[in-house]
Protein backbone atom coordinates (compact mmCIF):
# COMPACT_ATOMS: atom_id res chain seq x y z
CA MET A 1 109.26 211.64 92.76
CA SER A 2 107.40 212.91 95.82
CA SER A 3 109.56 213.54 98.87
CA ASP A 4 107.22 211.41 101.00
CA THR A 5 107.38 208.37 98.68
CA ALA A 6 109.21 205.51 100.37
CA PRO A 7 112.21 204.05 98.50
CA PRO A 8 111.90 200.43 97.32
CA ALA A 9 112.53 197.90 100.08
CA PRO A 10 115.86 196.08 99.84
CA PRO A 11 115.75 192.34 99.09
CA ALA A 12 115.16 190.20 102.16
CA PRO A 13 118.28 188.46 103.47
CA GLY A 14 118.87 185.22 101.58
CA SER A 15 116.44 186.09 98.80
CA THR A 16 117.47 186.18 95.15
CA SER A 17 116.56 188.97 92.73
CA PRO A 18 115.05 187.82 89.37
CA PRO A 19 118.23 188.43 87.32
CA ASP A 20 120.35 186.54 89.87
CA GLN A 21 117.75 183.77 90.04
CA SER A 22 117.80 183.35 86.27
CA LYS A 23 121.59 183.29 86.25
CA LYS A 24 121.78 180.68 88.99
CA ARG A 25 119.13 178.59 87.27
CA GLY A 26 121.34 178.69 84.19
CA TYR A 27 124.28 177.36 86.20
CA ALA A 28 122.11 174.55 87.64
CA ALA A 29 120.83 173.66 84.18
CA LYS A 30 124.35 173.64 82.75
CA GLU A 31 125.53 171.23 85.46
CA ILE A 32 122.64 168.87 84.71
CA ILE A 33 123.55 168.90 81.01
CA THR A 34 127.31 168.46 81.58
CA THR A 35 126.98 165.60 84.05
CA GLU A 36 124.28 163.90 81.98
CA VAL A 37 126.48 163.89 78.87
CA THR A 38 129.37 162.38 80.89
CA TYR A 39 127.00 159.79 82.36
CA ILE A 40 125.69 158.79 78.92
CA GLU A 41 129.21 158.55 77.49
CA ARG A 42 130.23 156.16 80.27
CA LEU A 43 127.07 154.11 79.88
CA LYS A 44 127.98 153.79 76.19
CA LEU A 45 131.51 152.76 77.19
CA THR A 46 130.04 150.05 79.44
CA VAL A 47 127.88 148.69 76.64
CA ASP A 48 130.54 148.91 73.91
CA PHE A 49 133.47 147.50 75.89
CA PHE A 50 131.72 144.96 78.12
CA VAL A 51 128.03 144.25 77.50
CA ASN A 52 127.98 143.75 73.73
CA PRO A 53 131.19 141.62 73.59
CA LEU A 54 129.99 139.47 76.49
CA PHE A 55 126.73 138.67 74.72
CA ALA A 56 128.35 138.32 71.28
CA ASN A 57 131.09 135.95 72.46
CA ARG A 58 128.84 134.06 74.90
CA LEU A 59 131.37 134.36 77.72
CA LEU A 60 128.54 133.75 80.18
CA ASP A 61 125.48 131.59 79.70
CA ALA A 62 122.46 133.54 78.47
CA ALA A 63 120.61 133.65 81.80
CA GLU A 64 123.72 134.79 83.68
CA ALA A 65 124.57 137.50 81.14
CA LYS A 66 120.98 138.74 81.14
CA LYS A 67 120.86 138.95 84.92
CA GLN A 68 124.16 140.82 85.10
CA PHE A 69 123.92 143.27 82.20
CA GLU A 70 120.43 143.50 80.68
CA VAL A 71 119.19 146.35 82.90
CA ILE A 72 122.21 148.61 82.43
CA ASP A 73 121.84 148.09 78.67
CA LYS A 74 118.21 149.26 78.94
CA ILE A 75 119.26 152.24 81.07
CA TYR A 76 121.72 153.24 78.34
CA LYS A 77 119.02 152.96 75.66
CA LEU A 78 116.75 155.17 77.80
CA HIS A 79 119.40 157.90 78.05
CA GLU A 80 121.29 157.71 74.75
CA LYS A 81 118.87 159.95 72.84
CA TYR A 82 119.72 162.77 75.27
CA ILE A 83 123.45 162.86 74.48
CA SER A 84 122.82 166.39 73.07
CA LEU A 85 120.54 167.42 75.96
CA GLU A 86 119.57 171.10 76.09
CA GLU A 87 117.65 173.08 78.68
CA THR A 88 114.58 173.16 76.41
CA ASP A 89 114.52 169.33 76.58
CA PHE A 90 114.26 169.19 80.39
CA ALA A 91 110.50 168.67 80.58
CA GLY A 92 110.55 165.75 78.16
CA PHE A 93 113.75 164.29 79.62
CA PHE A 94 112.61 164.24 83.24
CA SER A 95 109.11 163.07 82.33
CA GLU A 96 110.52 160.10 80.42
CA LEU A 97 113.03 159.39 83.17
CA CYS A 98 110.30 159.26 85.81
CA SER A 99 108.10 157.08 83.59
CA ASN A 100 110.92 154.51 83.43
CA PHE A 101 112.07 154.61 87.04
CA GLU A 102 111.29 150.92 87.42
CA LEU A 103 114.56 150.32 85.54
CA TYR A 104 116.48 152.12 88.25
CA SER A 105 114.45 150.43 90.99
CA ASP A 106 115.29 147.01 89.53
CA TYR A 107 118.94 147.95 89.16
CA LEU A 108 119.24 149.16 92.78
CA VAL A 109 117.48 146.08 94.16
CA ASN A 110 119.67 143.67 92.20
CA TYR A 111 122.97 145.56 92.32
CA GLU A 112 124.19 143.94 95.55
CA PRO A 113 123.37 140.29 94.69
CA CYS A 114 124.74 140.80 91.17
CA MET A 115 128.00 142.16 92.54
CA GLN A 116 128.32 139.18 94.88
CA ARG A 117 127.68 136.87 91.94
CA ARG A 118 130.35 138.66 89.88
CA GLY A 119 132.75 138.06 92.73
CA TYR A 120 132.09 134.35 92.37
CA LEU A 121 132.41 134.47 88.57
CA LEU A 122 135.74 136.28 88.77
CA THR A 123 137.17 133.40 90.83
CA SER A 124 135.44 130.47 89.08
CA ASN A 125 135.08 131.46 85.42
CA ARG A 126 138.53 131.99 83.93
CA LYS A 127 137.24 133.12 80.51
CA PHE A 128 135.11 135.83 82.12
CA ALA A 129 137.90 136.91 84.48
CA ASP A 130 140.46 137.13 81.66
CA PHE A 131 138.03 139.09 79.48
CA VAL A 132 137.41 141.64 82.25
CA GLU A 133 141.15 141.99 83.00
CA LYS A 134 142.13 142.50 79.36
CA THR A 135 139.23 144.83 78.55
CA GLN A 136 139.98 147.10 81.50
CA LEU A 137 143.50 147.62 80.10
CA GLN A 138 142.23 148.87 76.73
CA PRO A 139 142.78 152.59 75.99
CA GLY A 140 139.76 154.65 76.96
CA CYS A 141 138.21 151.92 79.09
CA MET A 142 137.52 151.99 82.83
CA HIS A 143 137.23 149.34 85.53
CA LEU A 144 134.03 147.34 85.16
CA GLU A 145 132.90 147.92 88.75
CA SER A 146 133.41 151.68 88.45
CA LEU A 147 131.07 151.64 85.47
CA LEU A 148 128.43 149.34 86.93
CA ILE A 149 128.03 151.46 90.06
CA MET A 150 127.23 154.61 88.04
CA PRO A 151 123.40 154.20 87.98
CA VAL A 152 123.50 153.70 91.76
CA GLN A 153 125.46 156.92 92.22
CA ARG A 154 123.40 158.84 89.66
CA ILE A 155 120.19 158.76 91.73
CA PRO A 156 121.48 160.88 94.66
CA ARG A 157 123.20 163.13 92.09
CA TYR A 158 119.88 163.70 90.28
CA ARG A 159 118.35 164.64 93.61
CA LEU A 160 120.98 167.31 94.32
CA LEU A 161 120.83 168.66 90.77
CA LEU A 162 117.03 168.90 90.76
CA GLU A 163 116.95 170.52 94.19
CA GLN A 164 119.23 173.26 92.85
CA LEU A 165 117.20 173.62 89.66
CA LEU A 166 113.88 173.84 91.51
CA LYS A 167 115.31 176.37 93.98
CA TYR A 168 115.95 178.83 91.15
CA THR A 169 112.92 178.00 88.99
CA PRO A 170 109.97 180.43 89.40
CA GLU A 171 106.60 178.79 89.99
CA GLU A 172 105.28 180.36 86.79
CA HIS A 173 108.07 178.72 84.74
CA PRO A 174 106.65 176.09 82.29
CA ASP A 175 109.07 173.42 83.64
CA TYR A 176 108.31 174.05 87.33
CA ALA A 177 105.66 171.34 87.71
CA VAL A 178 107.66 168.61 85.96
CA VAL A 179 110.84 169.46 87.91
CA GLU A 180 108.90 169.40 91.18
CA SER A 181 107.23 166.05 90.46
CA SER A 182 110.49 164.54 89.19
CA LEU A 183 112.28 165.62 92.35
CA ALA A 184 109.57 164.00 94.51
CA LYS A 185 109.93 160.67 92.70
CA ILE A 186 113.72 160.77 92.82
CA CYS A 187 113.66 161.60 96.54
CA GLU A 188 111.56 158.49 97.17
CA LEU A 189 113.96 156.32 95.19
CA ALA A 190 117.00 157.96 96.80
CA THR A 191 115.61 157.36 100.31
CA ASN A 192 115.25 153.65 99.62
CA ASN A 193 118.72 153.67 98.08
CA ASN A 194 120.32 155.40 101.09
CA GLU A 195 119.37 152.58 103.43
CA ALA A 196 121.79 150.25 101.64
CA ILE A 197 124.56 152.73 100.78
CA ARG A 198 126.94 151.86 103.62
CA ALA A 199 126.85 148.11 102.99
CA ARG A 200 127.11 148.71 99.24
CA GLU A 201 130.18 150.93 99.61
CA ASN A 202 131.86 148.29 101.78
CA HIS A 203 131.15 145.54 99.24
CA PHE A 204 132.25 147.75 96.37
CA LYS A 205 135.59 148.29 98.14
CA ILE A 206 135.93 144.54 98.71
CA MET A 207 135.29 143.94 95.00
CA GLU A 208 138.02 146.49 94.18
CA ILE A 209 140.44 144.52 96.37
CA MET A 210 139.47 141.28 94.63
CA MET A 211 140.26 142.93 91.30
CA GLN A 212 143.70 143.95 92.62
CA ILE A 213 144.57 140.28 93.17
CA GLU A 214 145.77 138.59 90.00
CA PRO A 215 143.37 135.92 88.66
CA ARG A 216 145.44 132.80 89.52
CA THR A 217 145.46 133.57 93.26
CA ARG A 218 142.22 135.58 93.47
CA VAL A 219 139.76 134.43 96.16
CA GLN A 220 136.04 135.03 96.55
CA LEU A 221 135.58 137.70 99.23
CA LEU A 222 131.92 138.52 98.58
CA ASP A 223 130.63 135.11 99.70
CA ASP A 224 129.77 136.49 103.17
CA GLU A 225 127.48 139.54 103.12
CA ASN A 226 128.53 140.40 106.68
CA ARG A 227 132.24 140.60 105.84
CA LYS A 228 133.64 144.10 106.31
CA LEU A 229 136.92 145.67 105.29
CA LEU A 230 138.50 147.06 108.46
CA LYS A 231 141.99 148.12 107.44
CA GLU A 232 144.53 147.98 104.61
CA SER A 233 148.10 149.13 104.30
CA SER A 234 151.53 148.34 102.92
CA LEU A 235 153.61 146.74 105.70
CA LYS A 236 156.86 144.84 105.90
CA ARG A 237 156.97 141.15 106.71
CA GLN A 238 159.98 139.34 108.13
CA CYS A 239 160.98 136.69 105.58
CA ARG A 240 163.84 134.23 105.78
CA LYS A 241 166.17 136.61 103.92
CA GLY A 242 165.02 139.83 105.59
CA LEU A 243 162.22 142.37 105.46
CA LYS A 244 159.92 142.43 102.43
CA ASP A 245 157.03 144.71 101.42
CA PHE A 246 153.52 143.22 101.34
CA GLN A 247 150.03 144.64 101.04
CA PHE A 248 147.87 143.65 104.02
CA TRP A 249 144.07 143.61 104.08
CA LEU A 250 142.21 143.11 107.36
CA PHE A 251 138.60 141.98 107.13
CA SER A 252 136.20 141.27 109.95
CA ASP A 253 136.87 137.53 109.67
CA GLN A 254 140.27 137.14 107.98
CA LEU A 255 143.66 138.65 107.29
CA LEU A 256 145.14 138.60 103.77
CA TYR A 257 148.48 139.69 102.45
CA GLY A 258 149.98 139.76 98.99
CA GLU A 259 153.09 140.78 97.09
CA ALA A 260 153.04 143.41 94.34
CA ILE A 261 153.71 142.24 90.78
CA PRO A 262 156.97 143.94 89.65
CA LEU A 263 155.68 145.24 86.30
CA ASN A 264 152.25 146.12 87.68
CA PRO A 265 152.57 147.44 91.26
CA ASN A 266 148.80 147.93 91.56
CA MET A 267 148.23 144.17 91.18
CA PHE A 268 149.15 141.58 93.80
CA VAL A 269 149.87 137.88 94.07
CA LEU A 270 147.98 136.66 97.12
CA ASN A 271 150.35 134.92 99.52
CA ARG A 272 148.13 133.96 102.42
CA GLN A 273 144.51 134.04 103.61
CA ILE A 274 144.36 133.64 107.42
CA PRO A 275 141.06 133.00 109.27
CA LEU A 276 140.99 135.18 112.38
CA ALA A 277 139.11 132.61 114.45
CA LYS A 278 142.35 130.58 114.71
CA CYS A 279 144.77 133.50 114.90
CA PHE A 280 146.83 135.20 117.64
CA VAL A 281 148.56 138.59 117.44
CA SER A 282 150.85 140.23 119.97
CA SER A 283 153.81 142.57 120.36
CA CYS A 284 157.17 140.97 119.86
CA GLU A 285 160.88 141.57 119.85
CA SER A 286 162.90 141.61 116.68
CA MET A 287 164.38 138.37 115.37
CA SER A 288 166.75 140.18 113.03
CA SER A 289 169.15 143.06 113.08
CA ASP A 290 167.34 144.26 109.94
CA MET A 291 164.41 145.22 112.12
CA GLU A 292 165.58 148.48 113.60
CA SER A 293 163.05 148.75 116.39
CA ALA A 294 160.97 146.09 118.12
CA SER A 295 158.57 148.86 119.17
CA ALA A 296 157.15 148.87 115.63
CA SER A 297 156.84 145.08 115.26
CA PHE A 298 154.11 142.55 116.04
CA ILE A 299 153.74 138.83 115.53
CA VAL A 300 150.91 137.04 113.72
CA GLU A 301 150.50 133.37 114.68
CA SER A 302 148.16 131.03 112.84
CA PRO A 303 148.02 127.28 112.17
CA ALA A 304 149.48 127.48 108.65
CA LYS A 305 151.87 130.40 109.00
CA SER A 306 153.40 132.60 111.68
CA PHE A 307 155.47 135.70 110.99
CA ILE A 308 156.62 139.09 112.22
CA VAL A 309 155.18 142.30 110.75
CA ARG A 310 156.97 145.63 110.80
CA THR A 311 155.01 148.90 110.68
CA LYS A 312 156.43 152.37 110.08
CA ASP A 313 156.14 153.38 113.77
CA GLU A 314 154.74 152.35 117.12
CA ALA A 315 151.47 154.24 116.59
CA GLU A 316 150.68 152.30 113.40
CA LYS A 317 151.65 149.05 115.10
CA GLN A 318 149.17 149.75 117.92
CA GLN A 319 146.41 150.57 115.42
CA TRP A 320 146.92 147.23 113.65
CA LEU A 321 147.19 145.28 116.91
CA ASN A 322 143.97 146.80 118.24
CA ALA A 323 142.10 146.29 114.98
CA ILE A 324 143.16 142.63 114.61
CA ASN A 325 142.59 141.76 118.26
CA ASN A 326 139.12 143.34 118.25
CA ALA A 327 138.22 141.40 115.10
CA ILE A 328 139.58 138.17 116.62
CA LYS A 329 137.52 138.73 119.76
CA GLU A 330 134.33 139.21 117.71
CA GLN A 331 135.05 136.06 115.69
CA GLN A 332 135.65 134.00 118.82
CA GLU A 333 132.37 135.21 120.31
CA LYS A 334 130.54 134.07 117.16
CA SER A 335 132.39 130.79 116.68
CA SER A 336 132.99 127.75 118.86
CA VAL A 337 136.14 126.82 116.88
CA GLU A 338 139.19 126.29 119.09
CA ARG A 339 142.31 128.06 117.94
CA GLY A 340 144.60 125.07 118.58
CA SER A 341 148.25 124.86 117.50
CA VAL A 342 150.02 127.49 115.44
CA ALA A 343 152.89 127.33 112.97
CA PRO A 344 156.33 128.31 114.30
CA LEU A 345 158.15 131.50 113.48
CA TRP A 346 160.92 130.81 111.02
CA HIS A 347 164.27 132.11 112.17
CA PRO A 348 165.65 134.46 109.47
CA ASP A 349 168.67 133.11 107.58
CA ALA A 350 170.88 135.93 108.86
CA THR A 351 170.39 135.00 112.53
CA THR A 352 172.87 132.12 112.45
CA SER A 353 175.65 130.76 110.26
CA SER A 354 175.52 127.19 111.55
CA CYS A 355 173.04 124.38 112.19
CA SER A 356 171.19 124.76 115.49
CA LYS A 357 171.54 121.00 116.11
CA CYS A 358 174.97 119.78 114.98
CA LYS A 359 176.59 123.27 114.82
CA LYS A 360 178.15 122.61 111.41
CA ALA A 361 178.66 125.79 109.39
CA PHE A 362 176.28 126.44 106.51
CA SER A 363 177.83 126.59 103.04
CA LEU A 364 177.00 126.01 99.39
CA LEU A 365 177.11 122.27 100.08
CA ASN A 366 175.68 122.33 103.60
CA ARG A 367 172.55 124.41 102.99
CA ARG A 368 170.08 125.98 105.42
CA HIS A 369 166.64 124.49 105.98
CA HIS A 370 163.80 125.35 108.34
CA CYS A 371 162.09 122.82 110.57
CA ARG A 372 158.37 123.26 109.89
CA ASN A 373 157.50 122.40 113.47
CA CYS A 374 159.90 124.55 115.53
CA GLY A 375 161.15 127.05 112.92
CA HIS A 376 164.86 126.59 113.71
CA LEU A 377 167.56 126.68 111.04
CA VAL A 378 169.04 123.22 110.52
CA CYS A 379 171.16 121.39 107.96
CA ASP A 380 169.87 118.63 105.71
CA SER A 381 171.38 115.83 107.84
CA CYS A 382 169.58 117.12 110.93
CA SER A 383 166.24 117.52 109.11
CA ASN A 384 166.05 114.55 106.76
CA LYS A 385 162.75 113.30 108.24
CA ARG A 386 159.30 114.06 106.87
CA ILE A 387 156.07 113.95 108.81
CA ARG A 388 152.58 115.35 108.47
CA VAL A 389 152.09 118.34 110.80
CA GLU A 390 148.33 118.78 110.46
CA HIS A 391 148.03 122.44 111.42
CA VAL A 392 150.89 123.45 109.08
CA ASP A 393 149.99 121.36 106.02
CA ALA A 394 147.26 118.73 106.22
CA ARG A 395 147.88 117.49 102.65
CA ARG A 396 151.54 116.46 102.68
CA GLU A 397 154.48 115.57 104.88
CA VAL A 398 156.87 118.41 105.70
CA ARG A 399 160.52 118.70 106.75
CA VAL A 400 161.19 118.55 110.51
CA CYS A 401 164.37 118.39 112.58
CA PHE A 402 165.22 115.11 114.32
CA THR A 403 164.30 116.56 117.74
CA CYS A 404 160.77 117.46 116.60
CA TYR A 405 160.46 114.13 114.76
CA GLN A 406 161.18 112.27 117.98
CA THR A 407 158.75 114.44 119.92
CA LEU A 408 155.95 114.08 117.37
CA THR A 409 156.34 110.35 116.74
CA GLY A 410 157.66 109.12 120.06
CA ALA A 411 160.61 107.60 118.23
CA THR A 412 163.89 107.17 120.10
């Protein structure tokens, strides 16, 4: 070599030498193959466990079943032939995928209304709800909603995977043009998809909560497209016999709480659904020696039920108070409904050993009762009247003490 011949220039910062580029393209291709195989396997699971049995057993009427599951069945049929996808198949795979993108467009457009409709079906169609519950418990199965959201999540994943593949594909590569055009089409679809992602994620989470509530007490929570999940946590509620664990869910328009099923702690029996428009929350002092610190307690007052909630510390209490009060304020600004009367707090059984009216000691024969109007502990003799207290129970008469009976009826 001549002494005046310049050495080869080092690679520019950030550039990739051909061997490195080929290696990284191999990694990108491998990730496409691996994730595609997993995707196809789960599409097959959806069809085998849910779609085919639903159609075969006619658990939904034909039009309903078609609207809910026909497109995902077609998406599976589009992909199933690529279960053994190899890098040499990329050109054909992505060309066929792009030629059938209307399937994904239809699925994305209809995903939200279909999910809302499933929310209704899960609370109104017992056969469908039972089928979903039992199928999800089968070995190898997954939750229906986790499967049905896969095509929605696959679009942005395709975009990331193709961006990586194109980055390390030389322009002279035979697949370069098809990868580039496929990426352009997926970017367009992904952009339209991104506009609805936040609302979709919120509704998907609400659907998950619905599926955590056992079918007999499950309520439709997807009937209002503006409803948002604000907060959820396990908290303690003051009950008549002491503190008890409940799962609380705060939405933009209502507060729900439920009790875990002993043999299935991830499922809950819904105890109460409280509209925030008629609700009050505030700090409170303890009503029981079981509640170690009033600084971690707050009171929820509503027409049908009022109770004390215990959080783990004062910081969590303040977070819940702020979240509920802000939601209540927004509901009151939207609604002209007056909050009106609220149910009383029930005094815990341990707070007294005798009737608050006649002072007779409670015993096996002289049992405790709660007045539904004032919440005090009274004996049967002092609460043997029944009257309808509209805000507590509009359908039937409830037990009240003689003092409240006189006040409510004007009797002497």
